[in-house]
Amino acid sequence: MVLPLSSAPFAPPTRPMQVTAVLNPIKPQAGEARSELQAACAEADWPEPEIVETTIDRPGGSQAQEAVADGAELVIAMGGDGTVREVAQGVAGTGVQFGVVPLGTANLFARNMGILPNRLGIVVRMALHGMLARVDLGLAAFREFPGVGPWSGELPFLVMAGIGQDARTVVETRDGLKGRLGWLAYLESGARHLFNDPIRMRISVDDDPPEEVTAWTILAGNCGRIPAGIEVFPGAIVDDGRLDVLQARIDNPLRWLGVAAQGLLKLRNNAAGLHYHPATQVVVVPEEPLPIQLDGDAYLPVSEVRFRVWHRALLLRLPPGRPRS
């Protein structure tokens, strides 16, 4: 397994640790995950883990913050991408270790980090005893009126964020299909939006002057992959202190064939209409309010959005593997 890291992960401490798990109880494997964690801690002669559940009003971030304040040394997110994001923000910058047990539909971040949800017992024990690496966290903020007033409180993303037609694809994914097909439901929605017109937007990258563009979407990536092995950001590294920004300026529907080939075949040459550049911060002002998506979850339309990176904010437990140099 080649992990998207710029430096080698390092060994975790071998002493017993105080563990708190933040569990989404509505996931089908929630009960099994709870039992596996309790058994794994007992096997290792570690203290009994504290397991707290998410709710609609408290999706995980505040529980993670409380766990840190109460002395947890390792906080494990047990749920889908939304739970993982919330818990990540709750432990970011604290030095408390962060584990992931993926129980969701797409499990985007877990898959990027080589944490595969195939055998739950192994994944739980990896969250306890895996290697450690410091990785970046993406943050998104909004303003009601472009250039006016303070930014909103920041929302986290671990894989990628977007504004434009990709976010509309997420918004209009049919719940029934998602329940039956999982992440494949996004493809059905994407096919319906593939030939939507590109959108006029103003983009500012770091300290560069703003640029007026017409794009199908603008994405900011922390990791590179989505399911089916598709690489949206070839060569993305999760601890390099930068986002990979993609402007999809698709003005001819036939260009999607080249885009698909690049993603599926992992080609390094940019397909026509795809413009890549690195950034620590990118600000986008659409011509009219547009929805955004964070790791495949949709948010209401915004008039201005800022994506930025928090360098090495998380101390993540990882499977053993050979790092990418």
C-alpha atoms as a PDB file:
ATOM      1  CA  MET A   1       0.000   0.000   0.000  1.00  0.00           C
ATOM      2  CA  VAL A   2       1.446   3.372  -1.021  1.00  0.00           C
ATOM      3  CA  LEU A   3       0.205   6.008   1.372  1.00  0.00           C
ATOM      4  CA  PRO A   4      -0.102   9.644   0.187  1.00  0.00           C
ATOM      5  CA  LEU A   5       2.434  11.005   2.688  1.00  0.00           C
ATOM      6  CA  SER A   6       5.546  13.110   2.228  1.00  0.00           C
ATOM      7  CA  SER A   7       7.337  11.511   5.196  1.00  0.00           C
ATOM      8  CA  ALA A   8       7.290   8.084   6.822  1.00  0.00           C
ATOM      9  CA  PRO A   9       4.705   7.354   9.522  1.00  0.00           C
ATOM     10  CA  PHE A  10       6.176   6.627  12.936  1.00  0.00           C
ATOM     11  CA  ALA A  11       5.471   3.972  15.539  1.00  0.00           C
ATOM     12  CA  PRO A  12       2.760   4.587  18.143  1.00  0.00           C
ATOM     13  CA  PRO A  13       3.464   4.284  21.883  1.00  0.00           C
ATOM     14  CA  THR A  14       2.988   0.758  23.218  1.00  0.00           C
ATOM     15  CA  ARG A  15       1.635   1.733  26.656  1.00  0.00           C
ATOM     16  CA  PRO A  16      -2.092   1.500  27.439  1.00  0.00           C
ATOM     17  CA  MET A  17      -4.082   4.594  26.432  1.00  0.00           C
ATOM     18  CA  GLN A  18      -7.372   6.151  27.419  1.00  0.00           C
ATOM     19  CA  VAL A  19      -9.683   5.793  24.407  1.00  0.00           C
ATOM     20  CA  THR A  20     -12.920   7.567  23.547  1.00  0.00           C
ATOM     21  CA  ALA A  21     -14.944   6.516  20.513  1.00  0.00           C
ATOM     22  CA  VAL A  22     -17.539   8.789  18.893  1.00  0.00           C
ATOM     23  CA  LEU A  23     -20.061   6.403  17.332  1.00  0.00           C
ATOM     24  CA  ASN A  24     -22.864   7.074  14.873  1.00  0.00           C
ATOM     25  CA  PRO A  25     -25.511   4.680  16.237  1.00  0.00           C
ATOM     26  CA  ILE A  26     -27.657   4.560  13.093  1.00  0.00           C
ATOM     27  CA  LYS A  27     -24.992   2.808  11.009  1.00  0.00           C
ATOM     28  CA  PRO A  28     -25.749  -0.879  10.383  1.00  0.00           C
ATOM     29  CA  GLN A  29     -22.428  -2.019  11.874  1.00  0.00           C
ATOM     30  CA  ALA A  30     -22.571   0.295  14.906  1.00  0.00           C
ATOM     31  CA  GLY A  31     -23.276  -2.492  17.393  1.00  0.00           C
ATOM     32  CA  GLU A  32     -20.530  -4.702  16.007  1.00  0.00           C
ATOM     33  CA  ALA A  33     -18.063  -1.805  16.045  1.00  0.00           C
ATOM     34  CA  ARG A  34     -18.849  -1.112  19.697  1.00  0.00           C
ATOM     35  CA  SER A  35     -18.284  -4.760  20.644  1.00  0.00           C
ATOM     36  CA  GLU A  36     -15.064  -5.036  18.639  1.00  0.00           C
ATOM     37  CA  LEU A  37     -13.602  -1.929  20.302  1.00  0.00           C
ATOM     38  CA  GLN A  38     -14.425  -3.158  23.788  1.00  0.00           C
ATOM     39  CA  ALA A  39     -12.912  -6.569  23.007  1.00  0.00           C
ATOM     40  CA  ALA A  40      -9.776  -5.064  21.439  1.00  0.00           C
ATOM     41  CA  CYS A  41      -9.109  -2.822  24.438  1.00  0.00           C
ATOM     42  CA  ALA A  42      -9.585  -5.775  26.787  1.00  0.00           C
ATOM     43  CA  GLU A  43      -7.207  -7.926  24.714  1.00  0.00           C
ATOM     44  CA  ALA A  44      -4.524  -5.230  24.936  1.00  0.00           C
ATOM     45  CA  ASP A  45      -5.130  -4.754  28.667  1.00  0.00           C
ATOM     46  CA  TRP A  46      -6.123  -1.149  28.057  1.00  0.00           C
ATOM     47  CA  PRO A  47      -8.723   0.724  30.101  1.00  0.00           C
ATOM     48  CA  GLU A  48     -12.384   0.254  29.147  1.00  0.00           C
ATOM     49  CA  PRO A  49     -13.060   2.680  26.260  1.00  0.00           C
ATOM     50  CA  GLU A  50     -15.644   5.406  26.627  1.00  0.00           C
ATOM     51  CA  ILE A  51     -18.154   5.256  23.769  1.00  0.00           C
ATOM     52  CA  VAL A  52     -20.354   8.293  23.116  1.00  0.00           C
ATOM     53  CA  GLU A  53     -23.005   8.479  20.415  1.00  0.00           C
ATOM     54  CA  THR A  54     -23.737  11.176  17.889  1.00  0.00           C
ATOM     55  CA  THR A  55     -27.157  12.794  17.513  1.00  0.00           C
ATOM     56  CA  ILE A  56     -28.744  15.014  14.880  1.00  0.00           C
ATOM     57  CA  ASP A  57     -27.999  18.075  17.028  1.00  0.00           C
ATOM     58  CA  ARG A  58     -24.517  16.876  18.037  1.00  0.00           C
ATOM     59  CA  PRO A  59     -22.933  15.125  15.044  1.00  0.00           C
ATOM     60  CA  GLY A  60     -19.587  14.438  16.713  1.00  0.00           C
ATOM     61  CA  GLY A  61     -17.442  17.562  16.966  1.00  0.00           C
ATOM     62  CA  SER A  62     -18.521  18.621  20.454  1.00  0.00           C
ATOM     63  CA  GLN A  63     -18.228  15.050  21.760  1.00  0.00           C
ATOM     64  CA  ALA A  64     -14.650  14.927  20.477  1.00  0.00           C
ATOM     65  CA  GLN A  65     -13.827  18.265  22.119  1.00  0.00           C
ATOM     66  CA  GLU A  66     -15.271  17.044  25.408  1.00  0.00           C
ATOM     67  CA  ALA A  67     -13.263  13.846  25.169  1.00  0.00           C
ATOM     68  CA  VAL A  68     -10.062  15.847  24.721  1.00  0.00           C
ATOM     69  CA  ALA A  69     -10.941  18.074  27.682  1.00  0.00           C
ATOM     70  CA  ASP A  70     -11.620  14.980  29.806  1.00  0.00           C
ATOM     71  CA  GLY A  71      -8.177  13.524  29.107  1.00  0.00           C
ATOM     72  CA  ALA A  72      -8.694  11.125  26.203  1.00  0.00           C
ATOM     73  CA  GLU A  73      -5.400  10.225  24.537  1.00  0.00           C
ATOM     74  CA  LEU A  74      -6.955   8.613  21.448  1.00  0.00           C
ATOM     75  CA  VAL A  75     -10.304   9.612  19.939  1.00  0.00           C
ATOM     76  CA  ILE A  76     -11.795   7.275  17.341  1.00  0.00           C
ATOM     77  CA  ALA A  77     -14.463   8.284  14.831  1.00  0.00           C
ATOM     78  CA  MET A  78     -16.851   5.394  14.122  1.00  0.00           C
ATOM     79  CA  GLY A  79     -19.241   6.354  11.329  1.00  0.00           C
ATOM     80  CA  GLY A  80     -19.420   7.775   7.834  1.00  0.00           C
ATOM     81  CA  ASP A  81     -17.542  10.657   6.280  1.00  0.00           C
ATOM     82  CA  GLY A  82     -19.636  13.227   8.158  1.00  0.00           C
ATOM     83  CA  THR A  83     -18.807  11.740  11.555  1.00  0.00           C
ATOM     84  CA  VAL A  84     -15.138  11.434  10.623  1.00  0.00           C
ATOM     85  CA  ARG A  85     -15.012  15.113   9.595  1.00  0.00           C
ATOM     86  CA  GLU A  86     -16.699  16.290  12.784  1.00  0.00           C
ATOM     87  CA  VAL A  87     -14.433  14.271  15.069  1.00  0.00           C
ATOM     88  CA  ALA A  88     -11.364  15.362  13.113  1.00  0.00           C
ATOM     89  CA  GLN A  89     -12.172  19.009  13.715  1.00  0.00           C
ATOM     90  CA  GLY A  90     -12.776  18.297  17.393  1.00  0.00           C
ATOM     91  CA  VAL A  91      -9.279  16.852  17.902  1.00  0.00           C
ATOM     92  CA  ALA A  92      -7.371  18.970  15.351  1.00  0.00           C
ATOM     93  CA  GLY A  93      -4.399  20.833  16.770  1.00  0.00           C
ATOM     94  CA  THR A  94      -4.625  19.196  20.208  1.00  0.00           C
ATOM     95  CA  GLY A  95      -1.976  16.480  19.803  1.00  0.00           C
ATOM     96  CA  VAL A  96      -4.552  13.853  20.781  1.00  0.00           C
ATOM     97  CA  GLN A  97      -4.369  10.833  18.505  1.00  0.00           C
ATOM     98  CA  PHE A  98      -7.147  10.280  15.951  1.00  0.00           C
ATOM     99  CA  GLY A  99      -8.431   6.923  14.741  1.00  0.00           C
ATOM    100  CA  VAL A 100     -10.963   6.100  12.028  1.00  0.00           C
ATOM    101  CA  VAL A 101     -13.345   3.123  11.843  1.00  0.00           C
ATOM    102  CA  PRO A 102     -15.294   3.652   8.604  1.00  0.00           C
ATOM    103  CA  LEU A 103     -18.978   2.665   8.762  1.00  0.00           C
ATOM    104  CA  GLY A 104     -20.417   4.846   5.985  1.00  0.00           C
ATOM    105  CA  THR A 105     -21.405   4.740   2.331  1.00  0.00           C
ATOM    106  CA  ALA A 106     -18.312   6.094   0.582  1.00  0.00           C
ATOM    107  CA  ASN A 107     -15.712   6.270   3.404  1.00  0.00           C
ATOM    108  CA  LEU A 108     -13.686   8.660   1.259  1.00  0.00           C
ATOM    109  CA  PHE A 109     -10.984   9.658   3.744  1.00  0.00           C
ATOM    110  CA  ALA A 110     -10.525   6.158   5.117  1.00  0.00           C
ATOM    111  CA  ARG A 111     -10.040   4.715   1.629  1.00  0.00           C
ATOM    112  CA  ASN A 112      -7.495   7.415   0.750  1.00  0.00           C
ATOM    113  CA  MET A 113      -5.514   6.487   3.850  1.00  0.00           C
ATOM    114  CA  GLY A 114      -5.619   2.744   3.176  1.00  0.00           C
ATOM    115  CA  ILE A 115      -8.165   2.062   5.934  1.00  0.00           C
ATOM    116  CA  LEU A 116     -10.489  -0.342   4.139  1.00  0.00           C
ATOM    117  CA  PRO A 117     -13.839  -1.234   5.731  1.00  0.00           C
ATOM    118  CA  ASN A 118     -13.748  -4.899   4.730  1.00  0.00           C
ATOM    119  CA  ARG A 119     -12.949  -6.553   8.068  1.00  0.00           C
ATOM    120  CA  LEU A 120     -14.202  -4.565  11.007  1.00  0.00           C
ATOM    121  CA  GLY A 121     -12.151  -6.345  13.660  1.00  0.00           C
ATOM    122  CA  ILE A 122      -8.902  -5.572  11.858  1.00  0.00           C
ATOM    123  CA  VAL A 123      -9.883  -1.936  11.246  1.00  0.00           C
ATOM    124  CA  VAL A 124     -10.738  -1.420  14.933  1.00  0.00           C
ATOM    125  CA  ARG A 125      -7.407  -2.833  16.068  1.00  0.00           C
ATOM    126  CA  MET A 126      -5.598  -0.687  13.502  1.00  0.00           C
ATOM    127  CA  ALA A 127      -7.286   2.386  15.005  1.00  0.00           C
ATOM    128  CA  LEU A 128      -5.807   1.378  18.365  1.00  0.00           C
ATOM    129  CA  HIS A 129      -2.361   0.143  17.357  1.00  0.00           C
ATOM    130  CA  GLY A 130      -1.602   1.544  13.888  1.00  0.00           C
ATOM    131  CA  MET A 131       1.298   3.722  12.864  1.00  0.00           C
ATOM    132  CA  LEU A 132       1.072   7.475  13.426  1.00  0.00           C
ATOM    133  CA  ALA A 133       1.311  10.291  10.891  1.00  0.00           C
ATOM    134  CA  ARG A 134       0.532  13.989  10.974  1.00  0.00           C
ATOM    135  CA  VAL A 135      -1.902  14.929   8.200  1.00  0.00           C
ATOM    136  CA  ASP A 136      -3.593  18.096   6.976  1.00  0.00           C
ATOM    137  CA  LEU A 137      -7.184  19.214   7.499  1.00  0.00           C
ATOM    138  CA  GLY A 138      -9.155  21.362   5.068  1.00  0.00           C
ATOM    139  CA  LEU A 139     -11.451  24.118   6.334  1.00  0.00           C
ATOM    140  CA  ALA A 140     -14.287  25.949   4.569  1.00  0.00           C
ATOM    141  CA  ALA A 141     -15.791  29.299   5.590  1.00  0.00           C
ATOM    142  CA  PHE A 142     -18.543  31.423   4.043  1.00  0.00           C
ATOM    143  CA  ARG A 143     -19.765  34.995   3.809  1.00  0.00           C
ATOM    144  CA  GLU A 144     -23.315  36.112   3.084  1.00  0.00           C
ATOM    145  CA  PHE A 145     -22.112  39.040   0.969  1.00  0.00           C
ATOM    146  CA  PRO A 146     -18.816  38.868  -0.961  1.00  0.00           C
ATOM    147  CA  GLY A 147     -16.086  40.875   0.701  1.00  0.00           C
ATOM    148  CA  VAL A 148     -18.384  42.131   3.464  1.00  0.00           C
ATOM    149  CA  GLY A 149     -18.322  41.178   7.124  1.00  0.00           C
ATOM    150  CA  PRO A 150     -16.641  38.314   8.971  1.00  0.00           C
ATOM    151  CA  TRP A 151     -16.310  34.759   7.744  1.00  0.00           C
ATOM    152  CA  SER A 152     -18.578  32.110   9.227  1.00  0.00           C
ATOM    153  CA  GLY A 153     -17.267  29.472  11.587  1.00  0.00           C
ATOM    154  CA  GLU A 154     -15.151  27.015   9.618  1.00  0.00           C
ATOM    155  CA  LEU A 155     -16.384  23.581   8.561  1.00  0.00           C
ATOM    156  CA  PRO A 156     -13.886  20.732   8.047  1.00  0.00           C
ATOM    157  CA  PHE A 157     -13.153  18.549   5.037  1.00  0.00           C
ATOM    158  CA  LEU A 158     -10.591  15.783   4.748  1.00  0.00           C
ATOM    159  CA  VAL A 159     -10.740  14.750   1.097  1.00  0.00           C
ATOM    160  CA  MET A 160     -12.120  17.510  -1.121  1.00  0.00           C
ATOM    161  CA  ALA A 161     -14.541  20.418  -1.232  1.00  0.00           C
ATOM    162  CA  GLY A 162     -16.273  21.898  -4.236  1.00  0.00           C
ATOM    163  CA  ILE A 163     -18.551  24.619  -5.503  1.00  0.00           C
ATOM    164  CA  GLY A 164     -20.491  24.439  -8.762  1.00  0.00           C
ATOM    165  CA  GLN A 165     -22.164  21.627 -10.647  1.00  0.00           C
ATOM    166  CA  ASP A 166     -20.444  18.903  -8.616  1.00  0.00           C
ATOM    167  CA  ALA A 167     -22.153  20.221  -5.475  1.00  0.00           C
ATOM    168  CA  ARG A 168     -25.481  20.292  -7.327  1.00  0.00           C
ATOM    169  CA  THR A 169     -24.844  16.648  -8.197  1.00  0.00           C
ATOM    170  CA  VAL A 170     -24.525  15.867  -4.485  1.00  0.00           C
ATOM    171  CA  VAL A 171     -27.604  17.925  -3.565  1.00  0.00           C
ATOM    172  CA  GLU A 172     -29.765  16.099  -6.112  1.00  0.00           C
ATOM    173  CA  THR A 173     -28.551  12.564  -5.429  1.00  0.00           C
ATOM    174  CA  ARG A 174     -31.691  10.533  -4.825  1.00  0.00           C
ATOM    175  CA  ASP A 175     -31.925   9.227  -1.268  1.00  0.00           C
ATOM    176  CA  GLY A 176     -33.602   6.003  -2.358  1.00  0.00           C
ATOM    177  CA  LEU A 177     -30.819   5.211  -4.801  1.00  0.00           C
ATOM    178  CA  LYS A 178     -28.157   6.075  -2.236  1.00  0.00           C
ATOM    179  CA  GLY A 179     -29.731   3.621   0.176  1.00  0.00           C
ATOM    180  CA  ARG A 180     -29.705   0.837  -2.449  1.00  0.00           C
ATOM    181  CA  LEU A 181     -26.544   1.588  -4.416  1.00  0.00           C
ATOM    182  CA  GLY A 182     -24.297   3.408  -1.949  1.00  0.00           C
ATOM    183  CA  TRP A 183     -21.742   5.732  -3.567  1.00  0.00           C
ATOM    184  CA  LEU A 184     -22.826   4.592  -7.056  1.00  0.00           C
ATOM    185  CA  ALA A 185     -25.924   6.763  -6.601  1.00  0.00           C
ATOM    186  CA  TYR A 186     -23.692   9.810  -7.054  1.00  0.00           C
ATOM    187  CA  LEU A 187     -22.829   8.597 -10.552  1.00  0.00           C
ATOM    188  CA  GLU A 188     -26.495   8.532 -11.524  1.00  0.00           C
ATOM    189  CA  SER A 189     -26.913  12.115 -10.354  1.00  0.00           C
ATOM    190  CA  GLY A 190     -23.653  13.133 -12.010  1.00  0.00           C
ATOM    191  CA  ALA A 191     -24.820  11.762 -15.336  1.00  0.00           C
ATOM    192  CA  ARG A 192     -27.910  13.965 -15.146  1.00  0.00           C
ATOM    193  CA  HIS A 193     -25.777  17.068 -14.520  1.00  0.00           C
ATOM    194  CA  LEU A 194     -22.877  16.280 -16.826  1.00  0.00           C
ATOM    195  CA  PHE A 195     -24.038  18.566 -19.601  1.00  0.00           C
ATOM    196  CA  ASN A 196     -25.136  21.460 -17.405  1.00  0.00           C
ATOM    197  CA  ASP A 197     -23.676  24.792 -18.445  1.00  0.00           C
ATOM    198  CA  PRO A 198     -20.467  25.991 -16.796  1.00  0.00           C
ATOM    199  CA  ILE A 199     -20.796  28.829 -14.286  1.00  0.00           C
ATOM    200  CA  ARG A 200     -19.101  32.219 -14.109  1.00  0.00           C
ATOM    201  CA  MET A 201     -17.023  32.558 -10.928  1.00  0.00           C
ATOM    202  CA  ARG A 202     -14.247  34.734  -9.553  1.00  0.00           C
ATOM    203  CA  ILE A 203     -11.367  32.828  -7.979  1.00  0.00           C
ATOM    204  CA  SER A 204      -8.507  34.139  -5.831  1.00  0.00           C
ATOM    205  CA  VAL A 205      -5.588  31.785  -5.111  1.00  0.00           C
ATOM    206  CA  ASP A 206      -3.356  32.779  -2.195  1.00  0.00           C
ATOM    207  CA  ASP A 207      -1.986  36.272  -2.921  1.00  0.00           C
ATOM    208  CA  ASP A 208      -2.560  36.193  -6.684  1.00  0.00           C
ATOM    209  CA  PRO A 209      -4.971  38.721  -8.252  1.00  0.00           C
ATOM    210  CA  PRO A 210      -8.572  37.486  -8.660  1.00  0.00           C
ATOM    211  CA  GLU A 211      -9.389  35.776 -11.961  1.00  0.00           C
ATOM    212  CA  GLU A 212     -12.740  35.570 -13.722  1.00  0.00           C
ATOM    213  CA  VAL A 213     -13.386  32.014 -14.949  1.00  0.00           C
ATOM    214  CA  THR A 214     -16.220  29.984 -16.396  1.00  0.00           C
ATOM    215  CA  ALA A 215     -16.113  26.496 -14.887  1.00  0.00           C
ATOM    216  CA  TRP A 216     -18.332  23.467 -14.379  1.00  0.00           C
ATOM    217  CA  THR A 217     -16.883  23.209 -10.877  1.00  0.00           C
ATOM    218  CA  ILE A 218     -13.969  24.356  -8.723  1.00  0.00           C
ATOM    219  CA  LEU A 219     -12.549  21.743  -6.352  1.00  0.00           C
ATOM    220  CA  ALA A 220     -10.051  22.025  -3.509  1.00  0.00           C
ATOM    221  CA  GLY A 221      -8.474  18.677  -2.643  1.00  0.00           C
ATOM    222  CA  ASN A 222      -6.577  17.425   0.381  1.00  0.00           C
ATOM    223  CA  CYS A 223      -6.555  13.803  -0.873  1.00  0.00           C
ATOM    224  CA  GLY A 224      -6.684  12.532  -4.428  1.00  0.00           C
ATOM    225  CA  ARG A 225      -9.064   9.589  -4.762  1.00  0.00           C
ATOM    226  CA  ILE A 226     -12.771   8.880  -4.881  1.00  0.00           C
ATOM    227  CA  PRO A 227     -14.321   5.375  -5.094  1.00  0.00           C
ATOM    228  CA  ALA A 228     -13.645   3.036  -8.040  1.00  0.00           C
ATOM    229  CA  GLY A 229      -9.981   4.044  -7.911  1.00  0.00           C
ATOM    230  CA  ILE A 230     -10.636   7.350  -9.695  1.00  0.00           C
ATOM    231  CA  GLU A 231      -7.908   9.929  -9.054  1.00  0.00           C
ATOM    232  CA  VAL A 232      -9.300  13.453  -9.136  1.00  0.00           C
ATOM    233  CA  PHE A 233      -5.987  14.897  -7.942  1.00  0.00           C
ATOM    234  CA  PRO A 234      -3.157  12.660  -9.212  1.00  0.00           C
ATOM    235  CA  GLY A 235      -0.232  12.751  -6.821  1.00  0.00           C
ATOM    236  CA  ALA A 236      -2.048  14.613  -4.034  1.00  0.00           C
ATOM    237  CA  ILE A 237      -0.204  14.378  -0.703  1.00  0.00           C
ATOM    238  CA  VAL A 238      -2.137  14.684   2.522  1.00  0.00           C
ATOM    239  CA  ASP A 239       0.582  16.245   4.680  1.00  0.00           C
ATOM    240  CA  ASP A 240       2.222  18.786   2.344  1.00  0.00           C
ATOM    241  CA  GLY A 241       0.491  21.891   3.710  1.00  0.00           C
ATOM    242  CA  ARG A 242      -1.340  22.730   0.521  1.00  0.00           C
ATOM    243  CA  LEU A 243      -4.600  22.102  -1.283  1.00  0.00           C
ATOM    244  CA  ASP A 244      -4.703  20.915  -4.874  1.00  0.00           C
ATOM    245  CA  VAL A 245      -7.124  23.205  -6.729  1.00  0.00           C
ATOM    246  CA  LEU A 246      -8.911  22.033  -9.868  1.00  0.00           C
ATOM    247  CA  GLN A 247     -10.896  24.227 -12.216  1.00  0.00           C
ATOM    248  CA  ALA A 248     -12.996  22.124 -14.592  1.00  0.00           C
ATOM    249  CA  ARG A 249     -13.493  24.493 -17.514  1.00  0.00           C
ATOM    250  CA  ILE A 250     -15.509  22.067 -19.617  1.00  0.00           C
ATOM    251  CA  ASP A 251     -17.034  23.993 -22.540  1.00  0.00           C
ATOM    252  CA  ASN A 252     -17.465  20.985 -24.860  1.00  0.00           C
ATOM    253  CA  PRO A 253     -19.301  17.852 -23.630  1.00  0.00           C
ATOM    254  CA  LEU A 254     -16.897  15.606 -25.557  1.00  0.00           C
ATOM    255  CA  ARG A 255     -14.107  16.718 -23.229  1.00  0.00           C
ATOM    256  CA  TRP A 256     -15.666  14.582 -20.476  1.00  0.00           C
ATOM    257  CA  LEU A 257     -14.282  11.535 -22.295  1.00  0.00           C
ATOM    258  CA  GLY A 258     -10.742  12.749 -21.692  1.00  0.00           C
ATOM    259  CA  VAL A 259     -11.550  13.641 -18.097  1.00  0.00           C
ATOM    260  CA  ALA A 260     -12.947  10.142 -17.485  1.00  0.00           C
ATOM    261  CA  ALA A 261      -9.889   8.528 -19.046  1.00  0.00           C
ATOM    262  CA  GLN A 262      -7.542  10.589 -16.890  1.00  0.00           C
ATOM    263  CA  GLY A 263      -9.338   9.669 -13.681  1.00  0.00           C
ATOM    264  CA  LEU A 264      -9.773   5.978 -14.410  1.00  0.00           C
ATOM    265  CA  LEU A 265      -6.349   5.382 -15.955  1.00  0.00           C
ATOM    266  CA  LYS A 266      -4.501   7.669 -13.499  1.00  0.00           C
ATOM    267  CA  LEU A 267      -2.885   9.620 -16.322  1.00  0.00           C
ATOM    268  CA  ARG A 268      -0.513  12.407 -15.316  1.00  0.00           C
ATOM    269  CA  ASN A 269      -1.196  14.606 -18.350  1.00  0.00           C
ATOM    270  CA  ASN A 270      -4.061  17.026 -17.758  1.00  0.00           C
ATOM    271  CA  ALA A 271      -7.145  16.435 -19.868  1.00  0.00           C
ATOM    272  CA  ALA A 272      -8.347  19.394 -21.923  1.00  0.00           C
ATOM    273  CA  GLY A 273     -10.361  21.752 -19.758  1.00  0.00           C
ATOM    274  CA  LEU A 274      -8.784  20.730 -16.443  1.00  0.00           C
ATOM    275  CA  HIS A 275      -6.611  23.376 -14.784  1.00  0.00           C
ATOM    276  CA  TYR A 276      -4.621  22.384 -11.677  1.00  0.00           C
ATOM    277  CA  HIS A 277      -2.634  24.520  -9.256  1.00  0.00           C
ATOM    278  CA  PRO A 278      -1.556  24.286  -5.593  1.00  0.00           C
ATOM    279  CA  ALA A 279      -2.748  26.704  -2.907  1.00  0.00           C
ATOM    280  CA  THR A 280      -2.844  27.169   0.840  1.00  0.00           C
ATOM    281  CA  GLN A 281      -6.058  29.172   0.443  1.00  0.00           C
ATOM    282  CA  VAL A 282      -8.581  29.745  -2.345  1.00  0.00           C
ATOM    283  CA  VAL A 283     -11.580  32.100  -2.336  1.00  0.00           C
ATOM    284  CA  VAL A 284     -14.429  31.652  -4.824  1.00  0.00           C
ATOM    285  CA  VAL A 285     -17.252  34.100  -5.570  1.00  0.00           C
ATOM    286  CA  PRO A 286     -19.898  32.623  -7.915  1.00  0.00           C
ATOM    287  CA  GLU A 287     -22.022  34.779 -10.182  1.00  0.00           C
ATOM    288  CA  GLU A 288     -25.032  33.707  -8.110  1.00  0.00           C
ATOM    289  CA  PRO A 289     -25.237  31.732  -4.832  1.00  0.00           C
ATOM    290  CA  LEU A 290     -24.297  28.093  -5.309  1.00  0.00           C
ATOM    291  CA  PRO A 291     -24.312  25.022  -3.056  1.00  0.00           C
ATOM    292  CA  ILE A 292     -21.016  23.582  -1.894  1.00  0.00           C
ATOM    293  CA  GLN A 293     -20.033  20.042  -0.982  1.00  0.00           C
ATOM    294  CA  LEU A 294     -17.563  18.857   1.635  1.00  0.00           C
ATOM    295  CA  ASP A 295     -16.436  15.241   1.233  1.00  0.00           C
ATOM    296  CA  GLY A 296     -19.649  14.446  -0.596  1.00  0.00           C
ATOM    297  CA  ASP A 297     -22.040  16.154   1.851  1.00  0.00           C
ATOM    298  CA  ALA A 298     -23.993  19.133   0.507  1.00  0.00           C
ATOM    299  CA  TYR A 299     -24.485  22.541   2.125  1.00  0.00           C
ATOM    300  CA  LEU A 300     -26.828  25.406   1.304  1.00  0.00           C
ATOM    301  CA  PRO A 301     -25.934  27.913  -1.437  1.00  0.00           C
ATOM    302  CA  VAL A 302     -23.296  30.497  -0.565  1.00  0.00           C
ATOM    303  CA  SER A 303     -22.244  33.796  -2.129  1.00  0.00           C
ATOM    304  CA  GLU A 304     -18.563  33.459  -1.234  1.00  0.00           C
ATOM    305  CA  VAL A 305     -16.514  30.539   0.066  1.00  0.00           C
ATOM    306  CA  ARG A 306     -12.958  30.232   1.331  1.00  0.00           C
ATOM    307  CA  PHE A 307     -11.123  26.904   1.389  1.00  0.00           C
ATOM    308  CA  ARG A 308      -7.857  26.735   3.338  1.00  0.00           C
ATOM    309  CA  VAL A 309      -5.526  24.093   4.726  1.00  0.00           C
ATOM    310  CA  TRP A 310      -4.494  23.517   8.362  1.00  0.00           C
ATOM    311  CA  HIS A 311      -1.062  21.944   8.020  1.00  0.00           C
ATOM    312  CA  ARG A 312      -0.541  18.667   9.915  1.00  0.00           C
ATOM    313  CA  ALA A 313      -3.452  19.363  12.229  1.00  0.00           C
ATOM    314  CA  LEU A 314      -4.207  15.692  12.911  1.00  0.00           C
ATOM    315  CA  LEU A 315      -2.172  12.902  14.492  1.00  0.00           C
ATOM    316  CA  LEU A 316      -3.726   9.965  12.628  1.00  0.00           C
ATOM    317  CA  ARG A 317      -3.493   6.204  13.220  1.00  0.00           C
ATOM    318  CA  LEU A 318      -2.653   4.448   9.937  1.00  0.00           C
ATOM    319  CA  PRO A 319      -2.159   0.946   8.591  1.00  0.00           C
ATOM    320  CA  PRO A 320       1.474  -0.025   7.994  1.00  0.00           C
ATOM    321  CA  GLY A 321       2.601   0.880   4.521  1.00  0.00           C
ATOM    322  CA  ARG A 322       5.293   2.362   2.321  1.00  0.00           C
ATOM    323  CA  PRO A 323       5.010   6.170   2.168  1.00  0.00           C
ATOM    324  CA  ARG A 324       5.133   8.046  -1.104  1.00  0.00           C
ATOM    325  CA  SER A 325       8.233  10.219  -1.371  1.00  0.00           C
END
